[in-house]
Amino acid sequence: MPMPTSLSAEGLVKNDLAERLRKEILSGTLKPGERIVEGKWAARYGVAQASIREAINILAQAGFVTKAPGRSARVIHLSEGDVAHIYLVRGALEGLAARLAAETQANLSVLQATMDIMRESAASGDREALLDCDLLFHLELCELSGNPCLIEHARRILVPFFAFVRMRVSTSGQLPSVWEKDMEAHQQIIDLLREGEGEIADLYVKRAMERFAKTAYDYWENRSQHVG
């Protein structure tokens, strides 16, 4: 049996490889939809193919890679139509989450703290932290619903979706300053929950998602100034 130090080293190797591949994806070297050939990257990094496979599994859990039985892993790719459909479902799920959170007077401290860090990250120009907090905000909103089924489905949608958003924002070179308007929309959701306005919060989230859906690809292609 391997010693604990060996297990620790193995963990460091696969996590390091996952981060290196993630940077290849964010830089655009590995493009959306591109097949990740294990042998090619193993040779490039001078590691065993099995190590690349483990790194790919980490990236799949983080949403950057899709894997189907019997097929090679590919970098996640969402078409403009895919994104529109996802926003429609997000509106339904997150709108319901907002309604339930308002009705149960859920504790909003984590949601507000996440919002505060988003503002700080935008002000300091920390795009990575801002994107991390944006995902956490929406995951926490769904958690506040208290509905395990909603939470499970939301996580399946949000984690890969935000991985794709991170890829597109990174390659488009957008600055955190463009988040200002949409951060206020996030704060409005919190305010409505705090006031117990479940129905209004539900409708507000749905309309916000409809707006994001219409402009997301414009933003990612530098055709407008938007983020959702």
Protein backbone atom coordinates (compact mmCIF):
# COMPACT_ATOMS: atom_id res chain seq x y z
CA MET A 1 0.00 0.00 0.00
CA PRO A 2 1.39 3.45 -0.89
CA MET A 3 2.56 5.56 2.02
CA PRO A 4 0.49 8.68 2.86
CA THR A 5 3.23 10.87 1.38
CA SER A 6 2.92 9.00 -1.91
CA LEU A 7 -0.83 9.46 -1.96
CA SER A 8 -0.34 13.13 -1.23
CA ALA A 9 2.16 13.47 -4.06
CA GLU A 10 -0.20 11.72 -6.47
CA GLY A 11 -2.95 14.13 -5.49
CA LEU A 12 -0.68 17.10 -6.08
CA VAL A 13 0.32 15.79 -9.51
CA LYS A 14 -3.21 15.32 -10.82
CA ASN A 15 -4.39 18.63 -9.37
CA ASP A 16 -1.40 20.42 -10.87
CA LEU A 17 -2.08 18.81 -14.25
CA ALA A 18 -5.76 19.74 -14.00
CA GLU A 19 -4.80 23.37 -13.35
CA ARG A 20 -2.36 23.37 -16.27
CA LEU A 21 -5.02 21.98 -18.61
CA ARG A 22 -7.52 24.49 -17.22
CA LYS A 23 -5.14 27.29 -18.18
CA GLU A 24 -4.85 25.80 -21.67
CA ILE A 25 -8.65 25.97 -21.90
CA LEU A 26 -8.94 29.51 -20.54
CA SER A 27 -6.20 30.77 -22.84
CA GLY A 28 -7.98 29.30 -25.86
CA THR A 29 -5.22 26.80 -26.67
CA LEU A 30 -7.83 24.11 -26.05
CA LYS A 31 -10.95 25.45 -27.72
CA PRO A 32 -14.63 24.84 -26.90
CA GLY A 33 -15.68 21.45 -28.25
CA GLU A 34 -12.09 20.32 -28.88
CA ARG A 35 -11.20 16.72 -28.08
CA ILE A 36 -8.60 16.28 -25.35
CA VAL A 37 -6.24 13.56 -26.54
CA GLU A 38 -4.74 11.97 -23.42
CA GLY A 39 -1.61 10.69 -25.16
CA LYS A 40 -0.83 14.07 -26.71
CA TRP A 41 -0.99 15.94 -23.40
CA ALA A 42 0.80 13.18 -21.51
CA ALA A 43 3.70 13.50 -23.94
CA ARG A 44 3.66 17.29 -23.77
CA TYR A 45 3.78 17.35 -19.97
CA GLY A 46 6.03 14.31 -19.62
CA VAL A 47 3.61 12.33 -17.44
CA ALA A 48 1.73 9.04 -17.59
CA GLN A 49 -1.46 8.97 -19.63
CA ALA A 50 -3.33 7.82 -16.53
CA SER A 51 -2.35 11.08 -14.80
CA ILE A 52 -3.88 13.10 -17.64
CA ARG A 53 -7.03 10.99 -17.37
CA GLU A 54 -7.29 11.80 -13.67
CA ALA A 55 -6.75 15.50 -14.39
CA ILE A 56 -9.52 15.37 -16.99
CA ASN A 57 -11.85 13.83 -14.39
CA ILE A 58 -11.16 16.79 -12.10
CA LEU A 59 -11.95 19.21 -14.92
CA ALA A 60 -15.15 17.30 -15.70
CA GLN A 61 -16.30 17.75 -12.10
CA ALA A 62 -15.55 21.46 -12.39
CA GLY A 63 -17.62 21.69 -15.58
CA PHE A 64 -14.83 22.49 -18.05
CA VAL A 65 -14.90 19.09 -19.75
CA THR A 66 -17.68 16.80 -20.94
CA LYS A 67 -17.29 13.04 -20.99
CA ALA A 68 -19.58 10.47 -22.58
CA PRO A 69 -19.20 6.68 -22.20
CA GLY A 70 -16.90 5.30 -24.87
CA ARG A 71 -15.92 8.72 -26.18
CA SER A 72 -12.98 11.05 -25.66
CA ALA A 73 -13.32 13.97 -23.30
CA ARG A 74 -14.01 17.34 -24.91
CA VAL A 75 -13.83 20.92 -23.74
CA ILE A 76 -17.34 22.08 -22.96
CA HIS A 77 -19.07 23.95 -25.76
CA LEU A 78 -22.44 25.68 -25.65
CA SER A 79 -24.03 27.16 -28.74
CA GLU A 80 -25.98 30.41 -28.66
CA GLY A 81 -29.15 28.32 -28.69
CA ASP A 82 -27.87 26.16 -25.81
CA VAL A 83 -27.23 29.27 -23.74
CA ALA A 84 -30.72 30.62 -24.42
CA HIS A 85 -32.27 27.32 -23.32
CA ILE A 86 -30.15 27.23 -20.17
CA TYR A 87 -31.18 30.75 -19.18
CA LEU A 88 -34.82 29.76 -19.63
CA VAL A 89 -34.40 26.81 -17.27
CA ARG A 90 -32.34 28.90 -14.87
CA GLY A 91 -35.14 31.43 -14.72
CA ALA A 92 -37.62 28.73 -13.74
CA LEU A 93 -35.33 27.10 -11.16
CA GLU A 94 -33.81 30.21 -9.63
CA GLY A 95 -37.10 32.08 -9.70
CA LEU A 96 -38.71 29.26 -7.72
CA ALA A 97 -35.70 29.20 -5.39
CA ALA A 98 -36.15 32.92 -4.73
CA ARG A 99 -39.86 32.46 -4.05
CA LEU A 100 -39.23 29.63 -1.58
CA ALA A 101 -36.39 31.48 0.14
CA ALA A 102 -38.60 34.54 0.63
CA GLU A 103 -41.52 32.49 1.91
CA THR A 104 -39.38 30.68 4.49
CA GLN A 105 -37.47 33.84 5.49
CA ALA A 106 -34.18 32.08 4.83
CA ASN A 107 -30.94 33.38 6.34
CA LEU A 108 -29.44 35.69 3.71
CA SER A 109 -26.09 36.35 5.41
CA VAL A 110 -24.04 34.11 3.09
CA LEU A 111 -25.81 35.45 0.00
CA GLN A 112 -25.15 39.06 1.06
CA ALA A 113 -21.53 38.31 1.98
CA THR A 114 -21.01 36.78 -1.47
CA MET A 115 -22.54 39.88 -3.05
CA ASP A 116 -20.21 42.12 -1.03
CA ILE A 117 -17.14 40.16 -2.19
CA MET A 118 -18.37 40.41 -5.79
CA ARG A 119 -18.35 44.20 -5.45
CA GLU A 120 -14.88 44.19 -3.90
CA SER A 121 -13.59 41.89 -6.66
CA ALA A 122 -15.00 44.15 -9.37
CA ALA A 123 -13.48 47.21 -7.74
CA SER A 124 -10.06 45.56 -7.51
CA GLY A 125 -10.23 44.12 -11.03
CA ASP A 126 -10.10 40.51 -9.81
CA ARG A 127 -12.04 38.76 -12.58
CA GLU A 128 -11.40 35.23 -11.28
CA ALA A 129 -12.73 36.03 -7.81
CA LEU A 130 -15.71 37.81 -9.32
CA LEU A 131 -16.62 34.79 -11.43
CA ASP A 132 -16.16 32.48 -8.44
CA CYS A 133 -18.54 34.60 -6.38
CA ASP A 134 -21.08 34.89 -9.19
CA LEU A 135 -21.35 31.09 -9.31
CA LEU A 136 -21.49 30.86 -5.52
CA PHE A 137 -24.25 33.47 -5.43
CA HIS A 138 -26.52 31.44 -7.70
CA LEU A 139 -25.69 28.14 -5.99
CA GLU A 140 -26.45 29.70 -2.60
CA LEU A 141 -29.73 31.14 -3.89
CA CYS A 142 -30.78 27.64 -4.90
CA GLU A 143 -29.58 26.20 -1.57
CA LEU A 144 -31.83 28.69 0.24
CA SER A 145 -34.84 27.09 -1.45
CA GLY A 146 -34.44 24.10 0.87
CA ASN A 147 -35.63 21.89 -2.00
CA PRO A 148 -33.11 19.04 -2.59
CA CYS A 149 -34.43 18.27 -6.08
CA LEU A 150 -34.13 21.91 -7.17
CA ILE A 151 -30.63 22.16 -5.67
CA GLU A 152 -29.44 19.03 -7.48
CA HIS A 153 -30.74 20.11 -10.89
CA ALA A 154 -29.47 23.66 -10.45
CA ARG A 155 -25.95 22.45 -9.64
CA ARG A 156 -25.91 20.24 -12.75
CA ILE A 157 -26.74 23.27 -14.87
CA LEU A 158 -24.80 26.01 -13.10
CA VAL A 159 -21.37 24.40 -12.66
CA PRO A 160 -20.70 23.64 -16.37
CA PHE A 161 -22.49 26.81 -17.47
CA PHE A 162 -20.25 29.03 -15.37
CA ALA A 163 -17.18 27.10 -16.52
CA PHE A 164 -18.16 28.01 -20.08
CA VAL A 165 -18.82 31.63 -19.06
CA ARG A 166 -15.35 31.77 -17.51
CA MET A 167 -13.83 30.49 -20.75
CA ARG A 168 -15.63 33.02 -22.90
CA VAL A 169 -14.96 35.95 -20.57
CA SER A 170 -11.28 35.00 -20.38
CA THR A 171 -10.80 34.81 -24.14
CA SER A 172 -12.84 37.97 -24.80
CA GLY A 173 -10.72 39.92 -22.31
CA GLN A 174 -13.68 41.66 -20.72
CA LEU A 175 -12.95 43.76 -17.63
CA PRO A 176 -14.76 43.29 -14.28
CA SER A 177 -16.11 46.84 -14.53
CA VAL A 178 -18.81 45.66 -16.96
CA TRP A 179 -20.44 43.70 -14.11
CA GLU A 180 -21.63 46.82 -12.29
CA LYS A 181 -25.15 46.97 -13.69
CA ASP A 182 -25.77 43.26 -13.29
CA MET A 183 -24.41 43.23 -9.74
CA GLU A 184 -27.16 45.65 -8.83
CA ALA A 185 -29.64 43.13 -10.23
CA HIS A 186 -28.14 40.54 -7.89
CA GLN A 187 -28.51 42.94 -4.95
CA GLN A 188 -32.13 43.58 -5.91
CA ILE A 189 -32.81 39.85 -5.59
CA ILE A 190 -31.44 39.89 -2.04
CA ASP A 191 -33.50 42.95 -1.15
CA LEU A 192 -36.69 41.33 -2.41
CA LEU A 193 -35.95 38.17 -0.41
CA ARG A 194 -35.28 40.23 2.71
CA GLU A 195 -38.64 41.95 2.28
CA GLY A 196 -40.39 38.59 1.88
CA GLU A 197 -41.58 39.44 -1.64
CA GLY A 198 -41.55 35.89 -3.00
CA GLU A 199 -43.78 36.37 -6.03
CA ILE A 200 -42.03 39.56 -7.09
CA ALA A 201 -38.61 37.96 -6.60
CA ASP A 202 -39.66 34.99 -8.73
CA LEU A 203 -40.81 37.26 -11.55
CA TYR A 204 -37.75 39.51 -11.22
CA VAL A 205 -35.35 36.56 -11.56
CA LYS A 206 -37.21 35.23 -14.59
CA ARG A 207 -37.09 38.61 -16.33
CA ALA A 208 -33.42 39.07 -15.49
CA MET A 209 -32.62 35.69 -17.02
CA GLU A 210 -34.60 36.58 -20.14
CA ARG A 211 -32.54 39.76 -20.48
CA PHE A 212 -29.28 37.90 -19.99
CA ALA A 213 -30.29 35.28 -22.55
CA LYS A 214 -30.78 37.91 -25.24
CA THR A 215 -27.37 39.50 -24.78
CA ALA A 216 -24.99 36.81 -23.45
CA TYR A 217 -23.34 35.92 -26.74
CA ASP A 218 -23.18 39.58 -27.75
CA TYR A 219 -21.22 40.22 -24.58
CA TRP A 220 -18.86 37.26 -25.06
CA GLU A 221 -18.16 38.28 -28.64
CA ASN A 222 -17.53 41.91 -27.59
CA ARG A 223 -20.71 42.97 -29.37
CA SER A 224 -22.10 44.59 -26.22
CA GLN A 225 -21.28 45.22 -22.58
CA HIS A 226 -23.07 42.57 -20.55
CA VAL A 227 -22.49 39.77 -18.10
CA GLY A 228 -25.06 37.53 -16.36
